[in-house]
N, C-alpha and C. Protein backbone atom coordinates (compact mmCIF):
# COMPACT_ATOMS: atom_id res chain seq x y z
N MET A 1 -20.03 5.16 1.07
CA MET A 1 -20.06 5.58 -0.30
C MET A 1 -19.32 4.60 -1.21
N LEU A 2 -18.24 4.01 -0.73
CA LEU A 2 -17.46 3.12 -1.58
C LEU A 2 -18.24 1.88 -1.99
N ASP A 3 -19.15 1.45 -1.14
CA ASP A 3 -19.93 0.25 -1.44
C ASP A 3 -20.95 0.47 -2.55
N THR A 4 -21.24 1.71 -2.91
CA THR A 4 -22.24 1.99 -3.94
C THR A 4 -21.70 1.74 -5.35
N ILE A 5 -20.40 1.56 -5.51
CA ILE A 5 -19.80 1.29 -6.82
C ILE A 5 -19.27 -0.14 -6.80
N PRO A 6 -20.05 -1.09 -7.30
CA PRO A 6 -19.69 -2.51 -7.14
C PRO A 6 -18.40 -2.92 -7.83
N THR A 7 -17.99 -2.26 -8.89
CA THR A 7 -16.78 -2.68 -9.62
C THR A 7 -15.52 -1.97 -9.15
N MET A 8 -15.64 -1.07 -8.19
CA MET A 8 -14.47 -0.33 -7.72
C MET A 8 -13.60 -1.20 -6.83
N LYS A 9 -12.30 -1.09 -7.02
CA LYS A 9 -11.33 -1.81 -6.21
C LYS A 9 -10.62 -0.81 -5.31
N THR A 10 -10.63 -1.05 -4.02
CA THR A 10 -10.00 -0.15 -3.05
C THR A 10 -8.62 -0.71 -2.71
N VAL A 11 -7.60 0.13 -2.83
CA VAL A 11 -6.24 -0.26 -2.47
C VAL A 11 -5.67 0.75 -1.49
N LEU A 12 -4.71 0.31 -0.71
CA LEU A 12 -4.03 1.18 0.24
C LEU A 12 -2.65 1.49 -0.31
N VAL A 13 -2.37 2.78 -0.51
CA VAL A 13 -1.07 3.21 -1.03
C VAL A 13 -0.20 3.62 0.15
N LEU A 14 0.98 3.00 0.25
CA LEU A 14 1.91 3.26 1.34
C LEU A 14 3.27 3.63 0.79
N SER A 15 4.01 4.42 1.53
CA SER A 15 5.35 4.81 1.12
C SER A 15 6.37 3.78 1.60
N ALA A 16 7.24 3.35 0.69
CA ALA A 16 8.29 2.39 1.04
C ALA A 16 9.35 3.00 1.94
N THR A 17 9.33 4.31 2.12
CA THR A 17 10.31 4.97 2.97
C THR A 17 9.88 5.03 4.44
N THR A 18 8.70 4.52 4.73
CA THR A 18 8.15 4.56 6.10
C THR A 18 8.54 3.30 6.86
N ARG A 19 8.75 3.42 8.16
CA ARG A 19 9.13 2.27 9.00
C ARG A 19 7.99 1.25 9.10
N ASP A 20 8.36 -0.01 9.26
CA ASP A 20 7.39 -1.10 9.33
C ASP A 20 6.28 -0.84 10.36
N ALA A 21 6.66 -0.48 11.57
CA ALA A 21 5.67 -0.30 12.64
C ALA A 21 4.64 0.76 12.28
N GLU A 22 5.09 1.83 11.63
CA GLU A 22 4.15 2.88 11.22
C GLU A 22 3.25 2.40 10.09
N LEU A 23 3.77 1.58 9.20
CA LEU A 23 2.96 1.04 8.11
C LEU A 23 1.89 0.09 8.64
N TYR A 24 2.24 -0.71 9.67
CA TYR A 24 1.23 -1.59 10.27
C TYR A 24 0.11 -0.75 10.88
N ASP A 25 0.49 0.34 11.54
CA ASP A 25 -0.50 1.23 12.14
C ASP A 25 -1.40 1.86 11.08
N MET A 26 -0.81 2.30 9.98
CA MET A 26 -1.59 2.89 8.89
C MET A 26 -2.57 1.87 8.31
N ALA A 27 -2.10 0.66 8.10
CA ALA A 27 -2.96 -0.38 7.55
C ALA A 27 -4.12 -0.67 8.50
N SER A 28 -3.85 -0.65 9.79
CA SER A 28 -4.90 -0.87 10.77
C SER A 28 -5.93 0.26 10.75
N ARG A 29 -5.44 1.48 10.69
CA ARG A 29 -6.34 2.65 10.69
C ARG A 29 -7.23 2.70 9.45
N PHE A 30 -6.70 2.29 8.31
CA PHE A 30 -7.46 2.36 7.07
C PHE A 30 -8.19 1.05 6.75
N SER A 31 -8.14 0.07 7.63
CA SER A 31 -8.80 -1.20 7.38
C SER A 31 -10.32 -1.06 7.26
N MET A 32 -10.88 0.02 7.82
CA MET A 32 -12.33 0.24 7.73
C MET A 32 -12.78 0.40 6.28
N PHE A 33 -11.85 0.75 5.39
CA PHE A 33 -12.19 0.90 3.97
C PHE A 33 -12.06 -0.41 3.21
N ARG A 34 -11.67 -1.47 3.91
CA ARG A 34 -11.53 -2.81 3.36
C ARG A 34 -10.71 -2.85 2.06
N PRO A 35 -9.46 -2.39 2.13
CA PRO A 35 -8.64 -2.44 0.92
C PRO A 35 -8.42 -3.88 0.47
N GLN A 36 -8.33 -4.05 -0.84
CA GLN A 36 -8.15 -5.38 -1.40
C GLN A 36 -6.69 -5.69 -1.68
N GLY A 37 -5.83 -4.71 -1.49
CA GLY A 37 -4.42 -4.93 -1.71
C GLY A 37 -3.61 -3.68 -1.41
N LEU A 38 -2.29 -3.80 -1.59
CA LEU A 38 -1.37 -2.72 -1.26
C LEU A 38 -0.62 -2.24 -2.50
N VAL A 39 -0.34 -0.94 -2.51
CA VAL A 39 0.53 -0.33 -3.51
C VAL A 39 1.62 0.39 -2.73
N PHE A 40 2.88 0.11 -3.07
CA PHE A 40 3.99 0.81 -2.43
C PHE A 40 4.56 1.84 -3.39
N SER A 41 4.73 3.05 -2.89
CA SER A 41 5.30 4.13 -3.69
C SER A 41 6.68 4.48 -3.15
N LYS A 42 7.40 5.29 -3.89
CA LYS A 42 8.70 5.83 -3.51
C LYS A 42 9.81 4.78 -3.38
N LEU A 43 9.75 3.73 -4.17
CA LEU A 43 10.83 2.75 -4.13
C LEU A 43 12.16 3.33 -4.56
N ASP A 44 12.13 4.42 -5.32
CA ASP A 44 13.36 5.06 -5.76
C ASP A 44 14.00 5.90 -4.65
N GLU A 45 13.31 6.06 -3.53
CA GLU A 45 13.83 6.90 -2.43
C GLU A 45 14.33 6.08 -1.24
N THR A 46 14.42 4.77 -1.40
CA THR A 46 14.86 3.93 -0.29
C THR A 46 15.89 2.90 -0.77
N THR A 47 16.66 2.40 0.17
CA THR A 47 17.59 1.30 -0.13
C THR A 47 17.22 0.05 0.66
N LEU A 48 16.18 0.14 1.46
CA LEU A 48 15.71 -0.98 2.26
C LEU A 48 14.35 -1.42 1.73
N TYR A 49 14.24 -2.69 1.36
CA TYR A 49 13.03 -3.18 0.71
C TYR A 49 12.27 -4.22 1.52
N GLY A 50 12.62 -4.38 2.78
CA GLY A 50 11.96 -5.37 3.62
C GLY A 50 10.47 -5.13 3.80
N VAL A 51 10.05 -3.87 3.74
CA VAL A 51 8.62 -3.57 3.91
C VAL A 51 7.78 -4.20 2.81
N LEU A 52 8.38 -4.43 1.64
CA LEU A 52 7.63 -5.04 0.54
C LEU A 52 7.22 -6.47 0.86
N TYR A 53 7.95 -7.11 1.74
CA TYR A 53 7.60 -8.46 2.19
C TYR A 53 6.89 -8.43 3.54
N ASN A 54 7.44 -7.68 4.48
CA ASN A 54 6.93 -7.69 5.85
C ASN A 54 5.49 -7.21 5.98
N VAL A 55 5.18 -6.08 5.38
CA VAL A 55 3.86 -5.49 5.56
C VAL A 55 2.75 -6.34 4.95
N PRO A 56 2.85 -6.77 3.69
CA PRO A 56 1.78 -7.62 3.16
C PRO A 56 1.56 -8.89 3.99
N GLN A 57 2.66 -9.48 4.51
CA GLN A 57 2.52 -10.67 5.34
C GLN A 57 1.79 -10.36 6.65
N LYS A 58 2.15 -9.27 7.28
CA LYS A 58 1.58 -8.90 8.58
C LYS A 58 0.11 -8.50 8.47
N VAL A 59 -0.23 -7.71 7.46
CA VAL A 59 -1.61 -7.21 7.36
C VAL A 59 -2.48 -8.10 6.48
N ARG A 60 -1.88 -9.13 5.91
CA ARG A 60 -2.60 -10.13 5.11
C ARG A 60 -3.34 -9.52 3.92
N LEU A 61 -2.61 -8.67 3.19
CA LEU A 61 -3.11 -8.10 1.95
C LEU A 61 -2.05 -8.31 0.87
N PRO A 62 -2.47 -8.60 -0.35
CA PRO A 62 -1.48 -8.82 -1.40
C PRO A 62 -0.85 -7.52 -1.87
N LEU A 63 0.39 -7.61 -2.30
CA LEU A 63 1.08 -6.49 -2.93
C LEU A 63 0.64 -6.48 -4.39
N LEU A 64 -0.07 -5.43 -4.79
CA LEU A 64 -0.61 -5.36 -6.14
C LEU A 64 0.32 -4.65 -7.10
N TYR A 65 0.88 -3.52 -6.68
CA TYR A 65 1.73 -2.71 -7.53
C TYR A 65 2.77 -2.00 -6.69
N PHE A 66 3.80 -1.50 -7.35
CA PHE A 66 4.73 -0.58 -6.70
C PHE A 66 5.15 0.45 -7.75
N THR A 67 5.60 1.58 -7.25
CA THR A 67 5.96 2.68 -8.14
C THR A 67 7.27 3.32 -7.71
N THR A 68 8.01 3.82 -8.68
CA THR A 68 9.27 4.48 -8.38
C THR A 68 9.21 5.98 -8.62
N GLY A 69 8.12 6.46 -9.14
CA GLY A 69 8.00 7.88 -9.42
C GLY A 69 6.96 8.54 -8.56
N GLN A 70 6.79 9.83 -8.73
CA GLN A 70 5.85 10.58 -7.91
C GLN A 70 4.47 10.68 -8.53
N LYS A 71 4.33 10.26 -9.77
CA LYS A 71 3.05 10.39 -10.45
C LYS A 71 2.30 9.05 -10.45
N VAL A 72 1.60 8.79 -9.36
CA VAL A 72 0.77 7.60 -9.27
C VAL A 72 -0.58 7.98 -9.88
N PRO A 73 -1.14 7.22 -10.80
CA PRO A 73 -0.76 5.89 -11.26
C PRO A 73 0.15 5.87 -12.48
N ASP A 74 0.54 7.00 -13.03
CA ASP A 74 1.33 7.01 -14.27
C ASP A 74 2.67 6.27 -14.15
N ASP A 75 3.29 6.27 -12.97
CA ASP A 75 4.60 5.66 -12.80
C ASP A 75 4.57 4.24 -12.26
N ILE A 76 3.42 3.63 -12.29
CA ILE A 76 3.33 2.23 -11.82
C ILE A 76 3.98 1.34 -12.86
């Protein structure tokens, strides 16, 4: 269904509070949707920001946005 809308951009939204290994697994599981980039949410709920670098490098997707609030996309 996603391929029927040519201008739609698919992104994978991940929580910054999740461990790296679990984020790699999530990215692998959702790769069938061919996301064009990553959005990290919940930056206000963590003090560790390594996932913002590690995950995009490992899964080879660019970091497009991040959010600190619970209202995505309003808090981007």
